[in-house]
Amino acid sequence: FTAVSGTFIYQNGVELGSIANARNAAMAETAGTNGLDGNPVFLDRSI
């Protein structure tokens, strides 16, 4: 499960939609870490 990561909103077990762009290995390093390399995730707006 290392191809893409994504963030979604769910309510009562049903998906209501995505809330962020999908992330893959080509994501810019300045955007943060996406967890696809097995390390913890951290993404913010500082850069």
All heavy atoms as atom14 arrays in JSON, in Angstrom:
{
  "sequence": "FTAVSGTFIYQNGVELGSIANARNAAMAETAGTNGLDGNPVFLDRSI",
  "atom14_mask": [
    [1, 1, 1, 1, 1, 1, 1, 1, 1, 1, 1, 0, 0, 0],
    [1, 1, 1, 1, 1, 1, 1, 0, 0, 0, 0, 0, 0, 0],
    [1, 1, 1, 1, 1, 0, 0, 0, 0, 0, 0, 0, 0, 0],
    [1, 1, 1, 1, 1, 1, 1, 0, 0, 0, 0, 0, 0, 0],
    [1, 1, 1, 1, 1, 1, 0, 0, 0, 0, 0, 0, 0, 0],
    [1, 1, 1, 1, 0, 0, 0, 0, 0, 0, 0, 0, 0, 0],
    [1, 1, 1, 1, 1, 1, 1, 0, 0, 0, 0, 0, 0, 0],
    [1, 1, 1, 1, 1, 1, 1, 1, 1, 1, 1, 0, 0, 0],
    [1, 1, 1, 1, 1, 1, 1, 1, 0, 0, 0, 0, 0, 0],
    [1, 1, 1, 1, 1, 1, 1, 1, 1, 1, 1, 1, 0, 0],
    [1, 1, 1, 1, 1, 1, 1, 1, 1, 0, 0, 0, 0, 0],
    [1, 1, 1, 1, 1, 1, 1, 1, 0, 0, 0, 0, 0, 0],
    [1, 1, 1, 1, 0, 0, 0, 0, 0, 0, 0, 0, 0, 0],
    [1, 1, 1, 1, 1, 1, 1, 0, 0, 0, 0, 0, 0, 0],
    [1, 1, 1, 1, 1, 1, 1, 1, 1, 0, 0, 0, 0, 0],
    [1, 1, 1, 1, 1, 1, 1, 1, 0, 0, 0, 0, 0, 0],
    [1, 1, 1, 1, 0, 0, 0, 0, 0, 0, 0, 0, 0, 0],
    [1, 1, 1, 1, 1, 1, 0, 0, 0, 0, 0, 0, 0, 0],
    [1, 1, 1, 1, 1, 1, 1, 1, 0, 0, 0, 0, 0, 0],
    [1, 1, 1, 1, 1, 0, 0, 0, 0, 0, 0, 0, 0, 0],
    [1, 1, 1, 1, 1, 1, 1, 1, 0, 0, 0, 0, 0, 0],
    [1, 1, 1, 1, 1, 0, 0, 0, 0, 0, 0, 0, 0, 0],
    [1, 1, 1, 1, 1, 1, 1, 1, 1, 1, 1, 0, 0, 0],
    [1, 1, 1, 1, 1, 1, 1, 1, 0, 0, 0, 0, 0, 0],
    [1, 1, 1, 1, 1, 0, 0, 0, 0, 0, 0, 0, 0, 0],
    [1, 1, 1, 1, 1, 0, 0, 0, 0, 0, 0, 0, 0, 0],
    [1, 1, 1, 1, 1, 1, 1, 1, 0, 0, 0, 0, 0, 0],
    [1, 1, 1, 1, 1, 0, 0, 0, 0, 0, 0, 0, 0, 0],
    [1, 1, 1, 1, 1, 1, 1, 1, 1, 0, 0, 0, 0, 0],
    [1, 1, 1, 1, 1, 1, 1, 0, 0, 0, 0, 0, 0, 0],
    [1, 1, 1, 1, 1, 0, 0, 0, 0, 0, 0, 0, 0, 0],
    [1, 1, 1, 1, 0, 0, 0, 0, 0, 0, 0, 0, 0, 0],
    [1, 1, 1, 1, 1, 1, 1, 0, 0, 0, 0, 0, 0, 0],
    [1, 1, 1, 1, 1, 1, 1, 1, 0, 0, 0, 0, 0, 0],
    [1, 1, 1, 1, 0, 0, 0, 0, 0, 0, 0, 0, 0, 0],
    [1, 1, 1, 1, 1, 1, 1, 1, 0, 0, 0, 0, 0, 0],
    [1, 1, 1, 1, 1, 1, 1, 1, 0, 0, 0, 0, 0, 0],
    [1, 1, 1, 1, 0, 0, 0, 0, 0, 0, 0, 0, 0, 0],
    [1, 1, 1, 1, 1, 1, 1, 1, 0, 0, 0, 0, 0, 0],
    [1, 1, 1, 1, 1, 1, 1, 0, 0, 0, 0, 0, 0, 0],
    [1, 1, 1, 1, 1, 1, 1, 0, 0, 0, 0, 0, 0, 0],
    [1, 1, 1, 1, 1, 1, 1, 1, 1, 1, 1, 0, 0, 0],
    [1, 1, 1, 1, 1, 1, 1, 1, 0, 0, 0, 0, 0, 0],
    [1, 1, 1, 1, 1, 1, 1, 1, 0, 0, 0, 0, 0, 0],
    [1, 1, 1, 1, 1, 1, 1, 1, 1, 1, 1, 0, 0, 0],
    [1, 1, 1, 1, 1, 1, 0, 0, 0, 0, 0, 0, 0, 0],
    [1, 1, 1, 1, 1, 1, 1, 1, 0, 0, 0, 0, 0, 0]
  ],
  "atom14_positions": [
    [[0.83, -1.21, 0.0], [0.0, 0.0, 0.0], [0.87, 1.27, 0.0], [0.74, 2.13, 0.88], [-0.93, -0.02, 1.22], [-1.72, -1.29, 1.32], [-1.38, -2.27, 2.25], [-2.79, -1.52, 0.48], [-2.1, -3.45, 2.34], [-3.53, -2.71, 0.57], [-3.18, -3.67, 1.49], [0.0, 0.0, 0.0], [0.0, 0.0, 0.0], [0.0, 0.0, 0.0]],
    [[1.74, 1.36, -1.01], [2.71, 2.46, -1.05], [2.62, 3.28, -2.33], [3.55, 4.03, -2.66], [4.13, 1.89, -0.91], [4.35, 0.92, -1.95], [4.33, 1.24, 0.45], [0.0, 0.0, 0.0], [0.0, 0.0, 0.0], [0.0, 0.0, 0.0], [0.0, 0.0, 0.0], [0.0, 0.0, 0.0], [0.0, 0.0, 0.0], [0.0, 0.0, 0.0]],
    [[1.5, 3.16, -3.05], [1.39, 3.88, -4.33], [0.93, 5.32, -4.14], [1.52, 6.26, -4.69], [0.45, 3.14, -5.27], [0.0, 0.0, 0.0], [0.0, 0.0, 0.0], [0.0, 0.0, 0.0], [0.0, 0.0, 0.0], [0.0, 0.0, 0.0], [0.0, 0.0, 0.0], [0.0, 0.0, 0.0], [0.0, 0.0, 0.0], [0.0, 0.0, 0.0]],
    [[-0.13, 5.5, -3.39], [-0.76, 6.82, -3.23], [-1.34, 6.9, -1.83], [-1.78, 5.89, -1.26], [-1.89, 7.04, -4.26], [-2.57, 8.4, -4.06], [-1.35, 6.95, -5.68], [0.0, 0.0, 0.0], [0.0, 0.0, 0.0], [0.0, 0.0, 0.0], [0.0, 0.0, 0.0], [0.0, 0.0, 0.0], [0.0, 0.0, 0.0], [0.0, 0.0, 0.0]],
    [[-1.35, 8.11, -1.24], [-2.08, 8.33, 0.0], [-3.1, 9.45, -0.22], [-2.88, 10.35, -1.04], [-1.14, 8.68, 1.15], [-0.52, 9.94, 0.95], [0.0, 0.0, 0.0], [0.0, 0.0, 0.0], [0.0, 0.0, 0.0], [0.0, 0.0, 0.0], [0.0, 0.0, 0.0], [0.0, 0.0, 0.0], [0.0, 0.0, 0.0], [0.0, 0.0, 0.0]],
    [[-4.21, 9.37, 0.51], [-5.25, 10.38, 0.36], [-6.02, 10.6, 1.64], [-6.01, 9.73, 2.53], [0.0, 0.0, 0.0], [0.0, 0.0, 0.0], [0.0, 0.0, 0.0], [0.0, 0.0, 0.0], [0.0, 0.0, 0.0], [0.0, 0.0, 0.0], [0.0, 0.0, 0.0], [0.0, 0.0, 0.0], [0.0, 0.0, 0.0], [0.0, 0.0, 0.0]],
    [[-6.69, 11.74, 1.75], [-7.44, 12.1, 2.95], [-8.9, 12.3, 2.58], [-9.21, 13.04, 1.64], [-6.88, 13.38, 3.58], [-5.46, 13.28, 3.67], [-7.44, 13.59, 4.98], [0.0, 0.0, 0.0], [0.0, 0.0, 0.0], [0.0, 0.0, 0.0], [0.0, 0.0, 0.0], [0.0, 0.0, 0.0], [0.0, 0.0, 0.0], [0.0, 0.0, 0.0]],
    [[-9.79, 11.67, 3.36], [-11.22, 11.67, 3.05], [-12.05, 11.94, 4.3], [-11.61, 11.69, 5.42], [-11.63, 10.33, 2.44], [-10.93, 10.01, 1.16], [-9.67, 9.42, 1.17], [-11.51, 10.31, -0.06], [-9.0, 9.13, -0.01], [-10.85, 10.02, -1.25], [-9.6, 9.43, -1.23], [0.0, 0.0, 0.0], [0.0, 0.0, 0.0], [0.0, 0.0, 0.0]],
    [[-13.27, 12.41, 4.06], [-14.24, 12.63, 5.13], [-15.27, 11.51, 5.06], [-15.81, 11.21, 3.99], [-14.93, 14.0, 4.98], [-13.9, 15.13, 5.02], [-15.98, 14.17, 6.09], [-13.11, 15.22, 6.3], [0.0, 0.0, 0.0], [0.0, 0.0, 0.0], [0.0, 0.0, 0.0], [0.0, 0.0, 0.0], [0.0, 0.0, 0.0], [0.0, 0.0, 0.0]],
    [[-15.54, 10.89, 6.21], [-16.55, 9.83, 6.31], [-17.54, 10.19, 7.42], [-17.17, 10.8, 8.43], [-15.91, 8.49, 6.63], [-15.4, 7.74, 5.43], [-14.25, 8.16, 4.76], [-16.08, 6.63, 4.95], [-13.79, 7.48, 3.65], [-15.61, 5.94, 3.83], [-14.47, 6.37, 3.19], [-14.02, 5.69, 2.08], [0.0, 0.0, 0.0], [0.0, 0.0, 0.0]],
    [[-18.79, 9.79, 7.21], [-19.79, 9.95, 8.25], [-20.72, 8.74, 8.21], [-21.21, 8.35, 7.14], [-20.6, 11.24, 8.06], [-21.45, 11.6, 9.28], [-21.98, 13.02, 9.21], [-22.46, 13.46, 8.17], [-21.88, 13.75, 10.33], [0.0, 0.0, 0.0], [0.0, 0.0, 0.0], [0.0, 0.0, 0.0], [0.0, 0.0, 0.0], [0.0, 0.0, 0.0]],
    [[-20.91, 8.12, 9.38], [-21.72, 6.9, 9.49], [-21.22, 5.81, 8.53], [-22.0, 5.05, 7.96], [-23.19, 7.2, 9.21], [-23.77, 8.2, 10.19], [-23.49, 8.14, 11.38], [-24.58, 9.13, 9.68], [0.0, 0.0, 0.0], [0.0, 0.0, 0.0], [0.0, 0.0, 0.0], [0.0, 0.0, 0.0], [0.0, 0.0, 0.0], [0.0, 0.0, 0.0]],
    [[-19.89, 5.75, 8.35], [-19.29, 4.73, 7.52], [-19.37, 4.98, 6.04], [-18.96, 4.14, 5.24], [0.0, 0.0, 0.0], [0.0, 0.0, 0.0], [0.0, 0.0, 0.0], [0.0, 0.0, 0.0], [0.0, 0.0, 0.0], [0.0, 0.0, 0.0], [0.0, 0.0, 0.0], [0.0, 0.0, 0.0], [0.0, 0.0, 0.0], [0.0, 0.0, 0.0]],
    [[-19.88, 6.14, 5.62], [-20.04, 6.45, 4.2], [-19.11, 7.6, 3.82], [-19.04, 8.61, 4.53], [-21.5, 6.82, 3.89], [-21.65, 7.22, 2.41], [-22.43, 5.66, 4.23], [0.0, 0.0, 0.0], [0.0, 0.0, 0.0], [0.0, 0.0, 0.0], [0.0, 0.0, 0.0], [0.0, 0.0, 0.0], [0.0, 0.0, 0.0], [0.0, 0.0, 0.0]],
    [[-18.42, 7.44, 2.69], [-17.52, 8.5, 2.23], [-18.31, 9.7, 1.73], [-19.25, 9.57, 0.95], [-16.63, 7.99, 1.1], [-15.64, 9.05, 0.61], [-15.13, 8.78, -0.79], [-15.03, 7.6, -1.17], [-14.85, 9.76, -1.5], [0.0, 0.0, 0.0], [0.0, 0.0, 0.0], [0.0, 0.0, 0.0], [0.0, 0.0, 0.0], [0.0, 0.0, 0.0]],
    [[-17.91, 10.92, 2.17], [-18.54, 12.15, 1.72], [-17.68, 12.92, 0.72], [-18.15, 13.89, 0.13], [-18.86, 13.05, 2.92], [-19.74, 12.44, 4.02], [-20.09, 13.49, 5.05], [-20.99, 11.8, 3.45], [0.0, 0.0, 0.0], [0.0, 0.0, 0.0], [0.0, 0.0, 0.0], [0.0, 0.0, 0.0], [0.0, 0.0, 0.0], [0.0, 0.0, 0.0]],
    [[-16.41, 12.51, 0.57], [-15.55, 13.17, -0.4], [-14.13, 13.34, 0.1], [-13.86, 13.2, 1.3], [0.0, 0.0, 0.0], [0.0, 0.0, 0.0], [0.0, 0.0, 0.0], [0.0, 0.0, 0.0], [0.0, 0.0, 0.0], [0.0, 0.0, 0.0], [0.0, 0.0, 0.0], [0.0, 0.0, 0.0], [0.0, 0.0, 0.0], [0.0, 0.0, 0.0]],
    [[-13.23, 13.64, -0.84], [-11.84, 13.89, -0.46], [-11.69, 15.31, 0.05], [-12.49, 16.2, -0.26], [-10.92, 13.66, -1.66], [-11.17, 14.64, -2.66], [0.0, 0.0, 0.0], [0.0, 0.0, 0.0], [0.0, 0.0, 0.0], [0.0, 0.0, 0.0], [0.0, 0.0, 0.0], [0.0, 0.0, 0.0], [0.0, 0.0, 0.0], [0.0, 0.0, 0.0]],
    [[-10.63, 15.54, 0.84], [-10.41, 16.85, 1.44], [-8.99, 17.35, 1.18], [-8.58, 18.39, 1.69], [-10.7, 16.82, 2.97], [-10.86, 18.23, 3.56], [-9.64, 16.01, 3.71], [-12.07, 18.95, 3.06], [0.0, 0.0, 0.0], [0.0, 0.0, 0.0], [0.0, 0.0, 0.0], [0.0, 0.0, 0.0], [0.0, 0.0, 0.0], [0.0, 0.0, 0.0]],
    [[-8.2, 16.59, 0.35], [-6.82, 16.98, 0.03], [-6.41, 16.35, -1.29], [-7.01, 15.35, -1.73], [-5.86, 16.56, 1.14], [0.0, 0.0, 0.0], [0.0, 0.0, 0.0], [0.0, 0.0, 0.0], [0.0, 0.0, 0.0], [0.0, 0.0, 0.0], [0.0, 0.0, 0.0], [0.0, 0.0, 0.0], [0.0, 0.0, 0.0], [0.0, 0.0, 0.0]],
    [[-5.41, 16.91, -1.92], [-4.84, 16.29, -3.11], [-4.22, 14.94, -2.77], [-3.66, 14.76, -1.68], [-3.75, 17.19, -3.71], [-4.31, 18.4, -4.41], [-5.51, 18.68, -4.32], [-3.44, 19.15, -5.09], [0.0, 0.0, 0.0], [0.0, 0.0, 0.0], [0.0, 0.0, 0.0], [0.0, 0.0, 0.0], [0.0, 0.0, 0.0], [0.0, 0.0, 0.0]],
    [[-4.31, 14.01, -3.73], [-3.63, 12.73, -3.56], [-2.13, 12.95, -3.56], [-1.62, 13.89, -4.17], [-4.02, 11.79, -4.69], [0.0, 0.0, 0.0], [0.0, 0.0, 0.0], [0.0, 0.0, 0.0], [0.0, 0.0, 0.0], [0.0, 0.0, 0.0], [0.0, 0.0, 0.0], [0.0, 0.0, 0.0], [0.0, 0.0, 0.0], [0.0, 0.0, 0.0]],
    [[-1.42, 12.07, -2.85], [0.03, 12.22, -2.71], [0.71, 10.96, -3.23], [0.3, 9.84, -2.9], [0.39, 12.43, -1.23], [-0.52, 13.46, -0.54], [-0.39, 13.38, 0.97], [-1.42, 14.15, 1.63], [-2.58, 13.64, 2.05], [-2.84, 12.36, 1.88], [-3.48, 14.41, 2.64], [0.0, 0.0, 0.0], [0.0, 0.0, 0.0], [0.0, 0.0, 0.0]],
    [[1.76, 11.15, -4.03], [2.55, 10.01, -4.49], [4.03, 10.31, -4.28], [4.39, 11.33, -3.7], [2.23, 9.66, -5.94], [2.52, 10.83, -6.88], [3.31, 11.72, -6.57], [1.87, 10.83, -8.03], [0.0, 0.0, 0.0], [0.0, 0.0, 0.0], [0.0, 0.0, 0.0], [0.0, 0.0, 0.0], [0.0, 0.0, 0.0], [0.0, 0.0, 0.0]],
    [[4.87, 9.42, -4.76], [6.3, 9.57, -4.53], [6.88, 10.81, -5.19], [7.96, 11.28, -4.81], [7.03, 8.32, -5.04], [0.0, 0.0, 0.0], [0.0, 0.0, 0.0], [0.0, 0.0, 0.0], [0.0, 0.0, 0.0], [0.0, 0.0, 0.0], [0.0, 0.0, 0.0], [0.0, 0.0, 0.0], [0.0, 0.0, 0.0], [0.0, 0.0, 0.0]],
    [[6.17, 11.36, -6.21], [6.67, 12.55, -6.91], [6.29, 13.85, -6.21], [6.63, 14.94, -6.68], [6.13, 12.56, -8.34], [0.0, 0.0, 0.0], [0.0, 0.0, 0.0], [0.0, 0.0, 0.0], [0.0, 0.0, 0.0], [0.0, 0.0, 0.0], [0.0, 0.0, 0.0], [0.0, 0.0, 0.0], [0.0, 0.0, 0.0], [0.0, 0.0, 0.0]],
    [[5.59, 13.77, -5.07], [5.2, 14.97, -4.34], [6.44, 15.77, -3.92], [7.45, 15.2, -3.51], [4.4, 14.58, -3.1], [3.82, 15.75, -2.31], [3.16, 15.24, -0.71], [4.68, 15.1, 0.24], [0.0, 0.0, 0.0], [0.0, 0.0, 0.0], [0.0, 0.0, 0.0], [0.0, 0.0, 0.0], [0.0, 0.0, 0.0], [0.0, 0.0, 0.0]],
    [[6.38, 17.09, -4.05], [7.52, 17.95, -3.71], [7.9, 17.77, -2.24], [7.04, 17.71, -1.36], [7.18, 19.4, -4.0], [0.0, 0.0, 0.0], [0.0, 0.0, 0.0], [0.0, 0.0, 0.0], [0.0, 0.0, 0.0], [0.0, 0.0, 0.0], [0.0, 0.0, 0.0], [0.0, 0.0, 0.0], [0.0, 0.0, 0.0], [0.0, 0.0, 0.0]],
    [[9.2, 17.71, -1.97], [9.68, 17.54, -0.59], [9.26, 18.7, 0.29], [9.05, 18.53, 1.5], [11.19, 17.4, -0.59], [11.7, 16.11, -1.2], [13.2, 15.98, -1.06], [13.82, 16.89, -0.47], [13.76, 14.97, -1.54], [0.0, 0.0, 0.0], [0.0, 0.0, 0.0], [0.0, 0.0, 0.0], [0.0, 0.0, 0.0], [0.0, 0.0, 0.0]],
    [[9.15, 19.89, -0.3], [8.77, 21.07, 0.5], [7.33, 20.98, 0.99], [6.93, 21.74, 1.87], [8.95, 22.35, -0.32], [8.27, 22.21, -1.57], [10.42, 22.63, -0.57], [0.0, 0.0, 0.0], [0.0, 0.0, 0.0], [0.0, 0.0, 0.0], [0.0, 0.0, 0.0], [0.0, 0.0, 0.0], [0.0, 0.0, 0.0], [0.0, 0.0, 0.0]],
    [[6.54, 20.06, 0.42], [5.15, 19.9, 0.87], [5.07, 19.09, 2.16], [4.08, 19.15, 2.86], [4.32, 19.25, -0.22], [0.0, 0.0, 0.0], [0.0, 0.0, 0.0], [0.0, 0.0, 0.0], [0.0, 0.0, 0.0], [0.0, 0.0, 0.0], [0.0, 0.0, 0.0], [0.0, 0.0, 0.0], [0.0, 0.0, 0.0], [0.0, 0.0, 0.0]],
    [[6.12, 18.31, 2.46], [6.13, 17.51, 3.68], [6.41, 16.06, 3.39], [6.9, 15.7, 2.32], [0.0, 0.0, 0.0], [0.0, 0.0, 0.0], [0.0, 0.0, 0.0], [0.0, 0.0, 0.0], [0.0, 0.0, 0.0], [0.0, 0.0, 0.0], [0.0, 0.0, 0.0], [0.0, 0.0, 0.0], [0.0, 0.0, 0.0], [0.0, 0.0, 0.0]],
    [[6.11, 15.19, 4.32], [6.28, 13.75, 4.17], [4.9, 13.1, 4.1], [4.0, 13.44, 4.88], [7.07, 13.15, 5.34], [6.38, 13.45, 6.57], [8.46, 13.76, 5.41], [0.0, 0.0, 0.0], [0.0, 0.0, 0.0], [0.0, 0.0, 0.0], [0.0, 0.0, 0.0], [0.0, 0.0, 0.0], [0.0, 0.0, 0.0], [0.0, 0.0, 0.0]],
    [[4.73, 12.14, 3.17], [3.4, 11.59, 2.92], [3.2, 10.19, 3.45], [2.12, 9.61, 3.33], [3.08, 11.61, 1.42], [4.15, 10.92, 0.59], [4.78, 9.97, 1.05], [4.37, 11.4, -0.63], [0.0, 0.0, 0.0], [0.0, 0.0, 0.0], [0.0, 0.0, 0.0], [0.0, 0.0, 0.0], [0.0, 0.0, 0.0], [0.0, 0.0, 0.0]],
    [[4.22, 9.58, 4.04], [4.09, 8.26, 4.65], [4.29, 7.1, 3.72], [4.32, 5.94, 4.17], [0.0, 0.0, 0.0], [0.0, 0.0, 0.0], [0.0, 0.0, 0.0], [0.0, 0.0, 0.0], [0.0, 0.0, 0.0], [0.0, 0.0, 0.0], [0.0, 0.0, 0.0], [0.0, 0.0, 0.0], [0.0, 0.0, 0.0], [0.0, 0.0, 0.0]],
    [[4.43, 7.34, 2.42], [4.54, 6.24, 1.46], [5.87, 5.5, 1.55], [5.99, 4.38, 1.05], [4.32, 6.77, 0.04], [2.93, 7.38, -0.21], [2.85, 7.99, -1.6], [1.84, 6.33, -0.02], [0.0, 0.0, 0.0], [0.0, 0.0, 0.0], [0.0, 0.0, 0.0], [0.0, 0.0, 0.0], [0.0, 0.0, 0.0], [0.0, 0.0, 0.0]],
    [[6.86, 6.11, 2.2], [8.15, 5.44, 2.38], [8.21, 4.67, 3.7], [9.26, 4.17, 4.1], [9.29, 6.46, 2.32], [9.16, 7.54, 3.39], [8.14, 7.53, 4.14], [10.05, 8.4, 3.47], [0.0, 0.0, 0.0], [0.0, 0.0, 0.0], [0.0, 0.0, 0.0], [0.0, 0.0, 0.0], [0.0, 0.0, 0.0], [0.0, 0.0, 0.0]],
    [[7.09, 4.57, 4.39], [7.04, 3.84, 5.66], [7.26, 4.7, 6.88], [7.06, 4.24, 8.01], [0.0, 0.0, 0.0], [0.0, 0.0, 0.0], [0.0, 0.0, 0.0], [0.0, 0.0, 0.0], [0.0, 0.0, 0.0], [0.0, 0.0, 0.0], [0.0, 0.0, 0.0], [0.0, 0.0, 0.0], [0.0, 0.0, 0.0], [0.0, 0.0, 0.0]],
    [[7.67, 5.96, 6.67], [7.89, 6.86, 7.8], [6.6, 7.61, 8.15], [5.68, 7.69, 7.34], [9.0, 7.86, 7.45], [10.35, 7.2, 7.34], [10.74, 6.42, 8.21], [11.06, 7.48, 6.24], [0.0, 0.0, 0.0], [0.0, 0.0, 0.0], [0.0, 0.0, 0.0], [0.0, 0.0, 0.0], [0.0, 0.0, 0.0], [0.0, 0.0, 0.0]],
    [[6.52, 8.18, 9.36], [5.34, 8.95, 9.74], [5.09, 10.13, 8.8], [5.99, 10.6, 8.12], [5.66, 9.42, 11.17], [6.66, 8.44, 11.67], [7.48, 8.05, 10.48], [0.0, 0.0, 0.0], [0.0, 0.0, 0.0], [0.0, 0.0, 0.0], [0.0, 0.0, 0.0], [0.0, 0.0, 0.0], [0.0, 0.0, 0.0], [0.0, 0.0, 0.0]],
    [[3.87, 10.6, 8.83], [3.42, 11.7, 7.95], [3.51, 13.02, 8.69], [3.18, 13.1, 9.88], [1.96, 11.46, 7.51], [1.43, 12.67, 6.73], [1.86, 10.19, 6.7], [0.0, 0.0, 0.0], [0.0, 0.0, 0.0], [0.0, 0.0, 0.0], [0.0, 0.0, 0.0], [0.0, 0.0, 0.0], [0.0, 0.0, 0.0], [0.0, 0.0, 0.0]],
    [[3.97, 14.06, 7.98], [3.8, 15.42, 8.48], [3.72, 16.37, 7.29], [4.64, 16.45, 6.48], [4.93, 15.87, 9.4], [4.7, 17.25, 9.94], [3.74, 17.47, 10.91], [5.4, 18.33, 9.44], [3.48, 18.74, 11.4], [5.15, 19.62, 9.93], [4.2, 19.82, 10.91], [0.0, 0.0, 0.0], [0.0, 0.0, 0.0], [0.0, 0.0, 0.0]],
    [[2.61, 17.08, 7.21], [2.37, 18.04, 6.13], [1.84, 19.32, 6.75], [0.93, 19.28, 7.6], [1.33, 17.49, 5.15], [1.68, 16.18, 4.44], [0.42, 15.42, 4.06], [2.53, 16.45, 3.22], [0.0, 0.0, 0.0], [0.0, 0.0, 0.0], [0.0, 0.0, 0.0], [0.0, 0.0, 0.0], [0.0, 0.0, 0.0], [0.0, 0.0, 0.0]],
    [[2.4, 20.48, 6.36], [1.88, 21.73, 6.86], [2.06, 22.83, 5.82], [2.47, 22.57, 4.68], [2.55, 22.12, 8.19], [4.02, 22.49, 8.05], [4.53, 22.47, 6.91], [4.65, 22.78, 9.07], [0.0, 0.0, 0.0], [0.0, 0.0, 0.0], [0.0, 0.0, 0.0], [0.0, 0.0, 0.0], [0.0, 0.0, 0.0], [0.0, 0.0, 0.0]],
    [[1.75, 24.05, 6.19], [1.79, 25.18, 5.26], [2.96, 26.12, 5.55], [2.96, 27.27, 5.09], [0.47, 25.95, 5.32], [-0.74, 25.09, 5.01], [-2.05, 25.89, 5.0], [-3.17, 25.0, 4.84], [-3.6, 24.52, 3.66], [-2.97, 24.87, 2.56], [-4.63, 23.7, 3.6], [0.0, 0.0, 0.0], [0.0, 0.0, 0.0], [0.0, 0.0, 0.0]],
    [[3.95, 25.67, 6.3], [5.04, 26.56, 6.69], [5.89, 26.99, 5.5], [6.39, 28.13, 5.48], [5.93, 25.88, 7.74], [6.49, 24.68, 7.21], [0.0, 0.0, 0.0], [0.0, 0.0, 0.0], [0.0, 0.0, 0.0], [0.0, 0.0, 0.0], [0.0, 0.0, 0.0], [0.0, 0.0, 0.0], [0.0, 0.0, 0.0], [0.0, 0.0, 0.0]],
    [[6.06, 26.13, 4.5], [6.85, 26.48, 3.32], [5.94, 26.83, 2.14], [6.21, 27.78, 1.4], [7.8, 25.31, 2.94], [8.78, 25.05, 4.09], [8.56, 25.62, 1.65], [9.7, 23.88, 3.85], [0.0, 0.0, 0.0], [0.0, 0.0, 0.0], [0.0, 0.0, 0.0], [0.0, 0.0, 0.0], [0.0, 0.0, 0.0], [0.0, 0.0, 0.0]]
  ]
}
